[in-house]
Amino acid sequence: LLHGFYTSTDATCLRHMYLSVLFGTGLACATAQAFFTLLFARLLPDGIWRREPGFLAHQAVGLPLMLIVAGVGTVAWFFPDEASQKLAATPEGRVHGDFLTSDWLVSLLLGELLLWDIPMSAFPSLRSAASVGHHVMMALACVIALQPYLLYYVPFFGGVIELSSIPLQVVDVLHPKHFVEWTERPRVAQLNAACRVAFAALFLLTRTALFPFVVFGQVLPDLYHVASRDPDERVGAAVGSALAVGFLLLQLYWSRLILRQILKKRGGEGGSKASIRSREEASSPATAYSQLDDVRGHRAVEA
């Protein structure tokens, strides 16, 4: 609806719309965080949810947010409209083109980062130097994209790869560090197991396989093309390339940890039941990713 309504308006109206999305999303996430924290800490009857109300509220807000960005980004990336296809037909269009859906998506991401996700580092269960650094770099990438610069790639880097973050929201909640008691219920245990498998499969597909393909096959060649034709483009291309390669190395590092845990789990299937149980807790692919809190405090989104 927004796309159709704003197609015929001028740039000023578009910028106002994107600012509304930015502040609206950030304030909505912060308000929902406060409400759910109060709900779990005070309003609900006494229960284990009072142990970490801030963390649980964060996951409650993050799940629908990841559904939105992953859904919008995936549709925009794999099924672009005719106008987007025409604009993306050249390297110049992909680097400097102004894509409406991408503008909307990156405004949403920047709003939730600045007004919700980064401030949530105040919670001990969500705080780490790596996570703050990751979110700050993501915010910087969003600001650069709004110039516009590389907006064409926002649906992939801000949407498609977040598909893996959807099941991760559930896995994080049921992690042994948080609310593993709920997995004593058979249905919850089945849900947790399914989400672990879904997370691992989606992560390896989108971040381990597709991410390098898009960076080396599309982003870097496009930046090289515009920089080789215009010397004034070289600084921007260098910054864009550095961000792309930096985030790629991060994905490959996390992929290495996940693959190592998968191999460790498969190699330990012949051990004792107690050993297997302990390995499953520490080494399942989704749990391995959740345990990276100490490395970078990933909550669901990068992505």
Protein backbone atom coordinates (compact mmCIF):
# COMPACT_ATOMS: atom_id res chain seq x y z
CA LEU A 1 0.00 0.00 0.00
CA LEU A 2 2.78 2.42 0.91
CA HIS A 3 4.64 1.55 -2.27
CA GLY A 4 1.61 2.27 -4.46
CA PHE A 5 0.65 5.46 -2.63
CA TYR A 6 4.10 7.04 -2.67
CA THR A 7 5.11 6.10 -6.20
CA SER A 8 3.50 9.25 -7.54
CA THR A 9 4.75 11.66 -4.87
CA ASP A 10 7.87 13.77 -4.72
CA ALA A 11 11.13 13.06 -2.94
CA THR A 12 10.22 15.23 0.07
CA CYS A 13 7.10 13.18 0.79
CA LEU A 14 9.10 10.00 0.43
CA ARG A 15 11.71 11.18 2.94
CA HIS A 16 8.98 12.15 5.38
CA MET A 17 7.47 8.70 4.97
CA TYR A 18 10.81 7.01 5.62
CA LEU A 19 11.43 9.15 8.71
CA SER A 20 7.97 8.14 9.93
CA VAL A 21 8.86 4.49 9.40
CA LEU A 22 12.18 4.98 11.19
CA PHE A 23 10.82 6.68 14.29
CA GLY A 24 7.56 4.77 14.25
CA THR A 25 9.31 1.40 14.22
CA GLY A 26 11.83 2.37 16.86
CA LEU A 27 9.24 3.81 19.23
CA ALA A 28 6.88 0.87 18.64
CA CYS A 29 9.64 -1.61 19.48
CA ALA A 30 10.69 0.35 22.58
CA THR A 31 7.08 0.64 23.76
CA ALA A 32 6.44 -3.06 23.20
CA GLN A 33 9.67 -3.87 25.04
CA ALA A 34 8.53 -1.83 28.04
CA PHE A 35 5.05 -3.39 28.01
CA PHE A 36 6.26 -6.99 27.78
CA THR A 37 8.93 -6.39 30.42
CA LEU A 38 6.29 -5.06 32.78
CA LEU A 39 4.00 -7.95 31.87
CA PHE A 40 6.58 -10.64 32.64
CA ALA A 41 8.02 -8.87 35.69
CA ARG A 42 4.86 -7.65 37.44
CA LEU A 43 1.50 -8.26 35.80
CA LEU A 44 1.59 -12.02 35.25
CA PRO A 45 1.40 -14.43 38.19
CA ASP A 46 4.70 -15.46 39.72
CA GLY A 47 6.65 -17.78 37.43
CA ILE A 48 10.02 -18.42 35.84
CA TRP A 49 9.35 -15.60 33.33
CA ARG A 50 10.20 -13.20 36.16
CA ARG A 51 13.76 -14.44 36.09
CA GLU A 52 14.65 -12.58 32.89
CA PRO A 53 11.70 -10.37 31.92
CA GLY A 54 13.82 -8.02 29.79
CA PHE A 55 15.31 -10.84 27.73
CA LEU A 56 11.94 -12.55 27.26
CA ALA A 57 10.36 -9.26 26.22
CA HIS A 58 13.18 -8.72 23.72
CA GLN A 59 12.45 -12.06 22.08
CA ALA A 60 8.71 -11.33 22.03
CA VAL A 61 9.38 -8.10 20.13
CA GLY A 62 12.09 -9.59 17.92
CA LEU A 63 10.03 -12.49 16.53
CA PRO A 64 7.36 -10.43 14.69
CA LEU A 65 10.04 -7.96 13.62
CA MET A 66 12.10 -10.73 12.03
CA LEU A 67 8.98 -12.12 10.34
CA ILE A 68 8.32 -8.71 8.79
CA VAL A 69 11.86 -7.95 7.55
CA ALA A 70 12.46 -11.51 6.33
CA GLY A 71 9.11 -11.62 4.53
CA VAL A 72 9.39 -8.20 2.89
CA GLY A 73 13.06 -8.70 2.00
CA THR A 74 12.59 -12.17 0.54
CA VAL A 75 9.69 -11.10 -1.67
CA ALA A 76 11.51 -7.96 -2.85
CA TRP A 77 14.73 -9.87 -3.60
CA PHE A 78 13.31 -12.89 -5.43
CA PHE A 79 10.18 -11.27 -6.91
CA PRO A 80 11.01 -7.61 -7.69
CA ASP A 81 8.46 -5.40 -9.41
CA GLU A 82 8.95 -4.20 -12.96
CA ALA A 83 10.31 -0.78 -11.96
CA SER A 84 12.92 -2.36 -9.68
CA GLN A 85 13.99 -4.79 -12.40
CA LYS A 86 14.57 -1.94 -14.85
CA LEU A 87 16.51 0.11 -12.32
CA ALA A 88 18.66 -2.89 -11.36
CA ALA A 89 19.59 -3.67 -14.95
CA THR A 90 22.92 -1.79 -14.71
CA PRO A 91 25.69 -1.60 -12.07
CA GLU A 92 25.02 2.14 -11.71
CA GLY A 93 21.38 1.43 -10.96
CA ARG A 94 22.21 -1.24 -8.40
CA VAL A 95 24.72 1.04 -6.66
CA HIS A 96 22.90 4.40 -6.79
CA GLY A 97 19.30 3.47 -7.57
CA ASP A 98 16.53 4.49 -5.17
CA PHE A 99 14.38 1.42 -4.56
CA LEU A 100 11.19 2.17 -2.64
CA THR A 101 10.88 -1.16 -0.84
CA SER A 102 14.56 -1.07 0.12
CA ASP A 103 14.19 2.49 1.44
CA TRP A 104 11.26 1.39 3.58
CA LEU A 105 13.05 -1.71 4.82
CA VAL A 106 16.31 0.04 5.70
CA SER A 107 14.37 2.81 7.49
CA LEU A 108 12.63 0.16 9.58
CA LEU A 109 15.93 -1.54 10.40
CA LEU A 110 17.66 1.70 11.32
CA GLY A 111 14.79 2.72 13.57
CA GLU A 112 14.74 -0.52 15.52
CA LEU A 113 18.52 -0.47 15.87
CA LEU A 114 18.85 3.11 17.10
CA LEU A 115 15.78 3.29 19.34
CA TRP A 116 15.47 -0.28 20.56
CA ASP A 117 18.14 -2.88 19.87
CA ILE A 118 21.23 -0.84 20.72
CA PRO A 119 19.67 0.67 23.90
CA MET A 120 18.64 -2.85 24.98
CA SER A 121 22.32 -3.53 25.63
CA ALA A 122 21.56 -2.14 29.08
CA PHE A 123 20.14 -5.58 29.96
CA PRO A 124 22.92 -7.91 31.18
CA SER A 125 21.44 -10.88 29.29
CA LEU A 126 21.61 -8.92 26.03
CA ARG A 127 24.88 -7.07 26.56
CA SER A 128 28.26 -7.76 25.04
CA ALA A 129 30.85 -5.56 23.42
CA ALA A 130 30.61 -7.64 20.25
CA SER A 131 26.83 -7.27 19.99
CA VAL A 132 27.00 -3.51 20.48
CA GLY A 133 29.72 -3.26 17.85
CA HIS A 134 27.74 -5.43 15.45
CA HIS A 135 24.59 -3.32 15.85
CA VAL A 136 26.51 -0.05 15.50
CA MET A 137 28.07 -1.29 12.25
CA MET A 138 24.65 -2.37 11.02
CA ALA A 139 23.27 1.09 11.81
CA LEU A 140 26.18 2.66 9.91
CA ALA A 141 25.45 0.44 6.92
CA CYS A 142 21.80 1.53 7.03
CA VAL A 143 22.76 5.22 7.08
CA ILE A 144 25.02 4.69 4.07
CA ALA A 145 22.27 2.82 2.21
CA LEU A 146 19.84 5.72 2.68
CA GLN A 147 22.08 8.08 0.64
CA PRO A 148 21.01 6.07 -1.53
CA TYR A 149 23.93 3.67 -1.91
CA LEU A 150 23.62 -0.06 -2.60
CA LEU A 151 19.91 0.06 -1.76
CA TYR A 152 19.34 -2.71 -4.28
CA TYR A 153 21.02 -5.19 -1.92
CA VAL A 154 19.06 -4.25 1.22
CA PRO A 155 16.33 -6.90 0.67
CA PHE A 156 18.99 -9.60 0.69
CA PHE A 157 21.26 -8.40 3.50
CA GLY A 158 18.39 -6.99 5.58
CA GLY A 159 15.72 -9.54 4.75
CA VAL A 160 16.65 -12.85 3.14
CA ILE A 161 19.44 -13.71 5.57
CA GLU A 162 17.13 -12.93 8.50
CA LEU A 163 15.09 -16.03 7.68
CA SER A 164 17.45 -17.91 9.98
CA SER A 165 16.71 -15.44 12.79
CA ILE A 166 13.05 -16.48 12.97
CA PRO A 167 13.59 -19.96 14.49
CA LEU A 168 16.53 -18.56 16.46
CA GLN A 169 14.12 -16.47 18.52
CA VAL A 170 12.57 -19.67 19.88
CA VAL A 171 15.91 -21.46 20.29
CA ASP A 172 17.34 -18.56 22.29
CA VAL A 173 14.41 -18.59 24.72
CA LEU A 174 14.72 -22.34 25.32
CA HIS A 175 18.50 -22.26 25.62
CA PRO A 176 19.95 -23.77 28.86
CA LYS A 177 21.12 -20.28 29.84
CA HIS A 178 17.53 -19.00 29.87
CA PHE A 179 14.30 -21.06 29.99
CA VAL A 180 15.32 -24.65 29.34
CA GLU A 181 12.71 -25.81 31.90
CA TRP A 182 9.99 -25.35 29.31
CA THR A 183 11.53 -28.09 27.15
CA GLU A 184 10.42 -30.63 29.76
CA ARG A 185 7.04 -30.41 28.05
CA PRO A 186 7.01 -32.79 25.06
CA ARG A 187 5.41 -30.33 22.63
CA VAL A 188 7.84 -27.56 23.56
CA ALA A 189 10.77 -29.97 23.23
CA GLN A 190 9.57 -30.93 19.75
CA LEU A 191 9.20 -27.27 18.81
CA ASN A 192 12.71 -26.55 20.08
CA ALA A 193 14.19 -29.45 18.11
CA ALA A 194 12.38 -28.38 14.93
CA CYS A 195 13.54 -24.78 15.34
CA ARG A 196 17.14 -25.90 15.87
CA VAL A 197 17.10 -27.86 12.62
CA ALA A 198 15.33 -25.03 10.76
CA PHE A 199 17.80 -22.49 12.09
CA ALA A 200 20.85 -24.53 11.07
CA ALA A 201 19.47 -25.24 7.59
CA LEU A 202 18.45 -21.62 6.94
CA PHE A 203 21.70 -20.23 8.30
CA LEU A 204 23.86 -22.48 6.14
CA LEU A 205 21.72 -21.77 3.09
CA THR A 206 21.42 -17.99 3.36
CA ARG A 207 24.54 -16.93 5.24
CA THR A 208 27.09 -19.63 4.43
CA ALA A 209 26.16 -20.27 0.79
CA LEU A 210 24.23 -17.29 -0.63
CA PHE A 211 26.00 -14.51 1.29
CA PRO A 212 29.45 -15.09 -0.31
CA PHE A 213 27.82 -15.58 -3.70
CA VAL A 214 26.08 -12.19 -3.54
CA VAL A 215 29.15 -10.39 -2.17
CA PHE A 216 31.69 -11.80 -4.65
CA GLY A 217 29.33 -12.27 -7.57
CA GLN A 218 27.39 -8.99 -7.41
CA VAL A 219 28.33 -6.40 -4.78
CA LEU A 220 32.09 -6.22 -5.31
CA PRO A 221 31.90 -6.32 -9.13
CA ASP A 222 29.31 -3.51 -9.10
CA LEU A 223 31.45 -1.36 -6.83
CA TYR A 224 34.54 -2.02 -8.94
CA HIS A 225 32.61 -1.07 -12.07
CA VAL A 226 31.45 2.33 -10.81
CA ALA A 227 34.82 3.09 -9.19
CA SER A 228 36.74 2.28 -12.38
CA ARG A 229 34.59 4.68 -14.38
CA ASP A 230 34.55 7.61 -11.95
CA PRO A 231 37.45 8.42 -9.58
CA ASP A 232 35.00 10.21 -7.26
CA GLU A 233 33.35 6.85 -6.60
CA ARG A 234 36.50 5.22 -5.23
CA VAL A 235 36.10 6.24 -1.58
CA GLY A 236 32.48 5.11 -1.45
CA ALA A 237 33.34 1.87 -3.21
CA ALA A 238 36.18 1.23 -0.76
CA VAL A 239 33.88 1.77 2.23
CA GLY A 240 31.15 -0.40 0.71
CA SER A 241 33.63 -3.15 -0.12
CA ALA A 242 35.11 -3.07 3.38
CA LEU A 243 31.66 -3.41 4.98
CA ALA A 244 30.66 -6.21 2.61
CA VAL A 245 33.84 -8.20 3.20
CA GLY A 246 33.76 -7.52 6.94
CA PHE A 247 30.24 -8.84 7.33
CA LEU A 248 31.10 -11.76 5.07
CA LEU A 249 34.03 -12.76 7.28
CA LEU A 250 31.69 -12.58 10.28
CA GLN A 251 29.20 -14.93 8.56
CA LEU A 252 31.97 -17.37 7.68
CA TYR A 253 33.27 -17.31 11.24
CA TRP A 254 29.83 -18.13 12.64
CA SER A 255 29.38 -20.76 9.92
CA ARG A 256 32.63 -22.40 10.97
CA LEU A 257 31.44 -22.61 14.58
CA ILE A 258 28.09 -24.09 13.57
CA LEU A 259 29.61 -26.65 11.20
CA ARG A 260 32.14 -27.63 13.87
CA GLN A 261 29.32 -28.21 16.35
CA ILE A 262 27.35 -30.24 13.81
CA LEU A 263 30.36 -32.47 13.16
CA LYS A 264 31.04 -32.80 16.88
CA LYS A 265 27.46 -33.84 17.51
CA ARG A 266 27.47 -36.39 14.70
CA GLY A 267 30.81 -37.77 15.89
CA GLY A 268 29.50 -38.19 19.43
CA GLU A 269 26.40 -40.21 18.58
CA GLY A 270 28.06 -43.42 19.65
CA GLY A 271 28.81 -42.29 23.22
CA SER A 272 26.94 -42.89 26.42
CA LYS A 273 23.46 -41.44 26.95
CA ALA A 274 24.77 -38.97 29.50
CA SER A 275 27.57 -37.96 27.18
CA ILE A 276 25.19 -37.60 24.28
CA ARG A 277 22.82 -35.49 26.36
CA SER A 278 25.59 -33.16 27.44
CA ARG A 279 26.90 -32.89 23.88
CA GLU A 280 23.44 -32.13 22.56
CA GLU A 281 23.07 -29.32 25.07
CA ALA A 282 26.42 -27.81 24.22
CA SER A 283 26.88 -28.77 20.59
CA SER A 284 23.65 -28.69 18.61
CA PRO A 285 23.96 -26.25 15.69
CA ALA A 286 21.27 -23.87 16.90
CA THR A 287 22.50 -24.01 20.48
CA ALA A 288 26.02 -23.36 19.26
CA TYR A 289 24.82 -20.23 17.55
CA SER A 290 22.90 -19.16 20.66
CA GLN A 291 26.00 -19.65 22.75
CA LEU A 292 27.79 -17.01 20.72
CA ASP A 293 26.28 -14.45 23.13
CA ASP A 294 29.72 -14.11 24.67
CA VAL A 295 31.24 -13.55 21.24
CA ARG A 296 28.77 -11.08 19.78
CA GLY A 297 25.45 -11.27 21.62
CA HIS A 298 23.36 -12.00 18.54
CA ARG A 299 19.65 -11.72 19.25
CA ALA A 300 18.14 -12.48 15.90
CA VAL A 301 18.94 -10.07 13.35
CA GLU A 302 22.19 -9.18 11.76
CA ALA A 303 22.16 -9.61 10.02
